[in-house]
C-alpha atoms as a PDB file:
ATOM      1  CA  MET A   1       4.690  39.085 -20.026  1.00  0.00           C
ATOM      2  CA  LYS A   2       7.046  36.982 -17.960  1.00  0.00           C
ATOM      3  CA  LEU A   3       7.457  33.314 -18.878  1.00  0.00           C
ATOM      4  CA  VAL A   4       7.287  30.939 -15.949  1.00  0.00           C
ATOM      5  CA  ASN A   5       8.678  27.426 -15.778  1.00  0.00           C
ATOM      6  CA  LEU A   6       7.433  25.280 -12.940  1.00  0.00           C
ATOM      7  CA  VAL A   7       8.723  21.970 -11.692  1.00  0.00           C
ATOM      8  CA  VAL A   8       6.065  19.882  -9.988  1.00  0.00           C
ATOM      9  CA  VAL A   9       7.378  17.218  -7.670  1.00  0.00           C
ATOM     10  CA  LEU A  10       4.846  14.657  -6.538  1.00  0.00           C
ATOM     11  CA  LYS A  11       4.260  11.053  -5.784  1.00  0.00           C
ATOM     12  CA  PHE A  12       2.133   9.689  -8.634  1.00  0.00           C
ATOM     13  CA  ASP A  13       0.195   7.196  -6.541  1.00  0.00           C
ATOM     14  CA  SER A  14      -1.101   9.947  -4.261  1.00  0.00           C
ATOM     15  CA  VAL A  15      -2.000  12.858  -6.557  1.00  0.00           C
ATOM     16  CA  PRO A  16      -3.612  12.268  -9.933  1.00  0.00           C
ATOM     17  CA  VAL A  17      -2.001  14.103 -12.822  1.00  0.00           C
ATOM     18  CA  LYS A  18      -5.363  15.513 -13.977  1.00  0.00           C
ATOM     19  CA  GLN A  19      -5.865  17.153 -10.590  1.00  0.00           C
ATOM     20  CA  VAL A  20      -2.424  18.766 -10.750  1.00  0.00           C
ATOM     21  CA  LEU A  21      -3.082  19.966 -14.292  1.00  0.00           C
ATOM     22  CA  SER A  22      -6.407  21.499 -13.264  1.00  0.00           C
ATOM     23  CA  ILE A  23      -4.639  23.390 -10.482  1.00  0.00           C
ATOM     24  CA  MET A  24      -1.679  24.527 -12.588  1.00  0.00           C
ATOM     25  CA  LEU A  25      -3.369  25.598 -15.810  1.00  0.00           C
ATOM     26  CA  PRO A  26      -5.161  28.692 -14.441  1.00  0.00           C
ATOM     27  CA  LEU A  27      -1.842  30.232 -13.270  1.00  0.00           C
ATOM     28  CA  PRO A  28      -1.058  33.311 -15.387  1.00  0.00           C
ATOM     29  CA  GLY A  29       2.139  33.174 -17.378  1.00  0.00           C
ATOM     30  CA  LEU A  30       2.636  29.452 -16.889  1.00  0.00           C
ATOM     31  CA  THR A  31       4.049  28.145 -20.119  1.00  0.00           C
ATOM     32  CA  SER A  32       5.476  24.775 -19.238  1.00  0.00           C
ATOM     33  CA  PHE A  33       5.985  22.443 -16.367  1.00  0.00           C
ATOM     34  CA  ARG A  34       7.422  18.991 -15.895  1.00  0.00           C
ATOM     35  CA  PHE A  35       6.808  16.213 -13.446  1.00  0.00           C
ATOM     36  CA  GLN A  36       9.462  14.524 -11.376  1.00  0.00           C
ATOM     37  CA  SER A  37       8.540  11.373  -9.546  1.00  0.00           C
ATOM     38  CA  LEU A  38       9.792  10.910  -6.000  1.00  0.00           C
ATOM     39  CA  THR A  39       8.570   7.414  -5.343  1.00  0.00           C
ATOM     40  CA  LEU A  40      12.026   6.074  -4.481  1.00  0.00           C
ATOM     41  CA  THR A  41      13.793   9.214  -3.251  1.00  0.00           C
ATOM     42  CA  PHE A  42      11.116  10.633  -0.945  1.00  0.00           C
ATOM     43  CA  PRO A  43      12.042   8.558   2.147  1.00  0.00           C
ATOM     44  CA  LYS A  44      15.697   9.362   1.457  1.00  0.00           C
ATOM     45  CA  LEU A  45      14.911  13.095   1.428  1.00  0.00           C
ATOM     46  CA  LEU A  46      13.014  12.773   4.700  1.00  0.00           C
ATOM     47  CA  THR A  47      15.962  11.018   6.307  1.00  0.00           C
ATOM     48  CA  GLN A  48      18.396  13.653   5.033  1.00  0.00           C
ATOM     49  CA  SER A  49      16.149  16.434   6.330  1.00  0.00           C
ATOM     50  CA  GLN A  50      15.941  14.827   9.747  1.00  0.00           C
ATOM     51  CA  ARG A  51      19.739  14.460   9.853  1.00  0.00           C
ATOM     52  CA  ALA A  52      20.154  18.105   8.863  1.00  0.00           C
ATOM     53  CA  LEU A  53      17.794  19.222  11.638  1.00  0.00           C
ATOM     54  CA  SER A  54      19.718  17.083  14.109  1.00  0.00           C
ATOM     55  CA  ASN A  55      23.024  18.570  12.944  1.00  0.00           C
ATOM     56  CA  ILE A  56      21.671  22.106  13.309  1.00  0.00           C
ATOM     57  CA  HIS A  57      20.467  21.239  16.805  1.00  0.00           C
ATOM     58  CA  THR A  58      23.951  19.939  17.680  1.00  0.00           C
ATOM     59  CA  HIS A  59      25.593  23.103  16.335  1.00  0.00           C
ATOM     60  CA  LEU A  60      23.210  25.315  18.287  1.00  0.00           C
ATOM     61  CA  SER A  61      23.951  23.383  21.473  1.00  0.00           C
ATOM     62  CA  SER A  62      27.657  23.833  20.790  1.00  0.00           C
ATOM     63  CA  LEU A  63      27.144  27.573  20.283  1.00  0.00           C
ATOM     64  CA  ASP A  64      25.167  27.706  23.511  1.00  0.00           C
ATOM     65  CA  ARG A  65      28.034  26.122  25.457  1.00  0.00           C
ATOM     66  CA  ASN A  66      31.009  27.801  23.788  1.00  0.00           C
ATOM     67  CA  ALA A  67      29.966  31.145  22.314  1.00  0.00           C
ATOM     68  CA  LEU A  68      27.519  32.520  24.887  1.00  0.00           C
ATOM     69  CA  PRO A  69      30.159  33.106  27.582  1.00  0.00           C
ATOM     70  CA  GLN A  70      32.118  35.220  25.078  1.00  0.00           C
ATOM     71  CA  PHE A  71      29.103  36.945  23.471  1.00  0.00           C
ATOM     72  CA  PRO A  72      26.329  37.351  26.095  1.00  0.00           C
ATOM     73  CA  LYS A  73      24.326  39.738  23.861  1.00  0.00           C
ATOM     74  CA  ALA A  74      23.750  36.903  21.361  1.00  0.00           C
ATOM     75  CA  GLU A  75      21.742  34.882  23.875  1.00  0.00           C
ATOM     76  CA  LYS A  76      18.369  36.333  22.826  1.00  0.00           C
ATOM     77  CA  SER A  77      19.017  35.642  19.130  1.00  0.00           C
ATOM     78  CA  LEU A  78      20.283  32.148  19.887  1.00  0.00           C
ATOM     79  CA  ARG A  79      17.164  31.368  21.946  1.00  0.00           C
ATOM     80  CA  GLU A  80      14.945  32.602  19.101  1.00  0.00           C
ATOM     81  CA  VAL A  81      16.777  30.375  16.626  1.00  0.00           C
ATOM     82  CA  GLN A  82      16.448  27.419  19.023  1.00  0.00           C
ATOM     83  CA  GLN A  83      12.729  28.113  19.382  1.00  0.00           C
ATOM     84  CA  ILE A  84      12.303  28.208  15.599  1.00  0.00           C
ATOM     85  CA  LEU A  85      14.319  25.001  15.287  1.00  0.00           C
ATOM     86  CA  ASN A  86      12.185  23.281  17.928  1.00  0.00           C
ATOM     87  CA  SER A  87       8.963  24.279  16.182  1.00  0.00           C
ATOM     88  CA  THR A  88      10.439  23.169  12.832  1.00  0.00           C
ATOM     89  CA  GLU A  89      11.379  19.798  14.320  1.00  0.00           C
ATOM     90  CA  GLY A  90       7.881  19.448  15.764  1.00  0.00           C
ATOM     91  CA  ASN A  91       6.312  20.237  12.397  1.00  0.00           C
ATOM     92  CA  PHE A  92       8.693  17.828  10.689  1.00  0.00           C
ATOM     93  CA  HIS A  93       7.751  15.019  13.076  1.00  0.00           C
ATOM     94  CA  GLN A  94       4.068  15.771  12.486  1.00  0.00           C
ATOM     95  CA  LEU A  95       4.676  15.563   8.737  1.00  0.00           C
ATOM     96  CA  VAL A  96       6.450  12.221   9.084  1.00  0.00           C
ATOM     97  CA  ALA A  97       3.661  10.932  11.345  1.00  0.00           C
ATOM     98  CA  LEU A  98       1.003  12.036   8.846  1.00  0.00           C
ATOM     99  CA  LEU A  99       2.861  10.378   5.975  1.00  0.00           C
ATOM    100  CA  ASN A 100       3.235   7.164   7.964  1.00  0.00           C
ATOM    101  CA  CYS A 101      -0.433   7.313   8.951  1.00  0.00           C
ATOM    102  CA  ARG A 102      -1.433   7.897   5.344  1.00  0.00           C
ATOM    103  CA  GLY A 103       0.624   4.905   4.239  1.00  0.00           C
ATOM    104  CA  LEU A 104      -0.879   2.719   6.955  1.00  0.00           C
ATOM    105  CA  ASN A 105      -4.352   3.941   6.072  1.00  0.00           C
ATOM    106  CA  LYS A 106      -3.762   3.096   2.414  1.00  0.00           C
ATOM    107  CA  ASP A 107      -2.524  -0.383   3.344  1.00  0.00           C
ATOM    108  CA  TYR A 108      -5.521  -0.859   5.655  1.00  0.00           C
ATOM    109  CA  ILE A 109      -7.977   0.173   2.944  1.00  0.00           C
ATOM    110  CA  ASP A 110      -6.262  -2.080   0.395  1.00  0.00           C
ATOM    111  CA  SER A 111      -6.447  -5.026   2.768  1.00  0.00           C
ATOM    112  CA  LEU A 112     -10.135  -4.375   3.495  1.00  0.00           C
ATOM    113  CA  LYS A 113     -10.903  -4.133  -0.217  1.00  0.00           C
ATOM    114  CA  GLY A 114      -9.055  -7.374  -0.859  1.00  0.00           C
ATOM    115  CA  LEU A 115     -10.807  -9.083   2.032  1.00  0.00           C
ATOM    116  CA  CYS A 116     -14.221  -7.898   0.877  1.00  0.00           C
ATOM    117  CA  TYR A 117     -13.711  -8.805  -2.766  1.00  0.00           C
ATOM    118  CA  ASP A 118     -12.083 -12.156  -2.000  1.00  0.00           C
ATOM    119  CA  GLY A 119     -14.648 -12.814   0.712  1.00  0.00           C
ATOM    120  CA  MET A 120     -17.529 -12.097  -1.649  1.00  0.00           C
ATOM    121  CA  GLU A 121     -15.988 -14.296  -4.308  1.00  0.00           C
ATOM    122  CA  GLY A 122     -15.482 -17.046  -1.750  1.00  0.00           C
ATOM    123  CA  LEU A 123     -19.085 -16.766  -0.568  1.00  0.00           C
ATOM    124  CA  LEU A 124     -20.338 -16.953  -4.145  1.00  0.00           C
ATOM    125  CA  TYR A 125     -18.308 -20.096  -4.827  1.00  0.00           C
ATOM    126  CA  LEU A 126     -19.387 -21.589  -1.512  1.00  0.00           C
ATOM    127  CA  SER A 127     -23.066 -20.960  -2.244  1.00  0.00           C
ATOM    128  CA  LEU A 128     -22.708 -22.300  -5.815  1.00  0.00           C
ATOM    129  CA  TYR A 129     -21.014 -25.513  -4.642  1.00  0.00           C
ATOM    130  CA  SER A 130     -23.533 -25.870  -1.818  1.00  0.00           C
ATOM    131  CA  PHE A 131     -26.389 -25.534  -4.297  1.00  0.00           C
ATOM    132  CA  LEU A 132     -24.804 -28.061  -6.657  1.00  0.00           C
ATOM    133  CA  SER A 133     -24.165 -30.475  -3.773  1.00  0.00           C
ATOM    134  CA  GLY A 134     -27.757 -30.104  -2.628  1.00  0.00           C
ATOM    135  CA  LEU A 135     -28.989 -30.677  -6.156  1.00  0.00           C
ATOM    136  CA  ALA A 136     -26.850 -33.814  -6.507  1.00  0.00           C
ATOM    137  CA  PHE A 137     -28.029 -35.107  -3.107  1.00  0.00           C
ATOM    138  CA  THR A 138     -31.662 -34.473  -4.105  1.00  0.00           C
ATOM    139  CA  ALA A 139     -31.141 -36.292  -7.411  1.00  0.00           C
ATOM    140  CA  ILE A 140     -29.651 -39.280  -5.548  1.00  0.00           C
ATOM    141  CA  LEU A 141     -32.529 -39.353  -3.068  1.00  0.00           C
ATOM    142  CA  CYS A 142     -35.116 -39.144  -5.846  1.00  0.00           C
ATOM    143  CA  SER A 143     -33.501 -41.946  -7.842  1.00  0.00           C
ATOM    144  CA  LEU A 144     -33.077 -44.337  -4.868  1.00  0.00           C
ATOM    145  CA  PRO A 145     -36.685 -45.680  -4.757  1.00  0.00           C
ATOM    146  CA  GLY A 146     -36.612 -46.556  -8.478  1.00  0.00           C
ATOM    147  CA  ALA A 147     -33.206 -48.174  -8.120  1.00  0.00           C
ATOM    148  CA  TRP A 148     -34.330 -50.036  -5.005  1.00  0.00           C
ATOM    149  CA  ARG A 149     -37.276 -51.524  -6.890  1.00  0.00           C
ATOM    150  CA  SER A 150     -35.012 -52.789  -9.649  1.00  0.00           C
ATOM    151  CA  PHE A 151     -33.044 -55.030  -7.226  1.00  0.00           C
ATOM    152  CA  PRO A 152     -34.364 -58.641  -7.056  1.00  0.00           C
ATOM    153  CA  ARG A 153     -35.784 -59.762  -3.738  1.00  0.00           C
END
């Protein structure tokens, strides 16, 4: 039986550890795994990946200009690599857009939860103070005739 070590890289605020454990435990031969948090390095990795894709694109453009006149048979392979690079860049931009959308969605949901909870708390305090003010006003109105009679004429 082969022993398998697995490194799980995830962002802890997005994937609960119990869910990861429930996915990983049924794997045969899995003996140990460790978690690495990417909360601070994930945007850095995305930026580095985008720079690497841009550098590859620059190198392919350079090959297109300089090497194709000398090696015309390589044009088909170069076009295939450019097509793969373009689809990879498209998928990368979709990934970044989804991550940004997920972050915005999380912020939106957090703000709505805060607004609802704070709004409900505010409405409760408002209704309590309104009730107490009404009660005090009623007590004043009820005590005015008795107080009015106690003044000498």
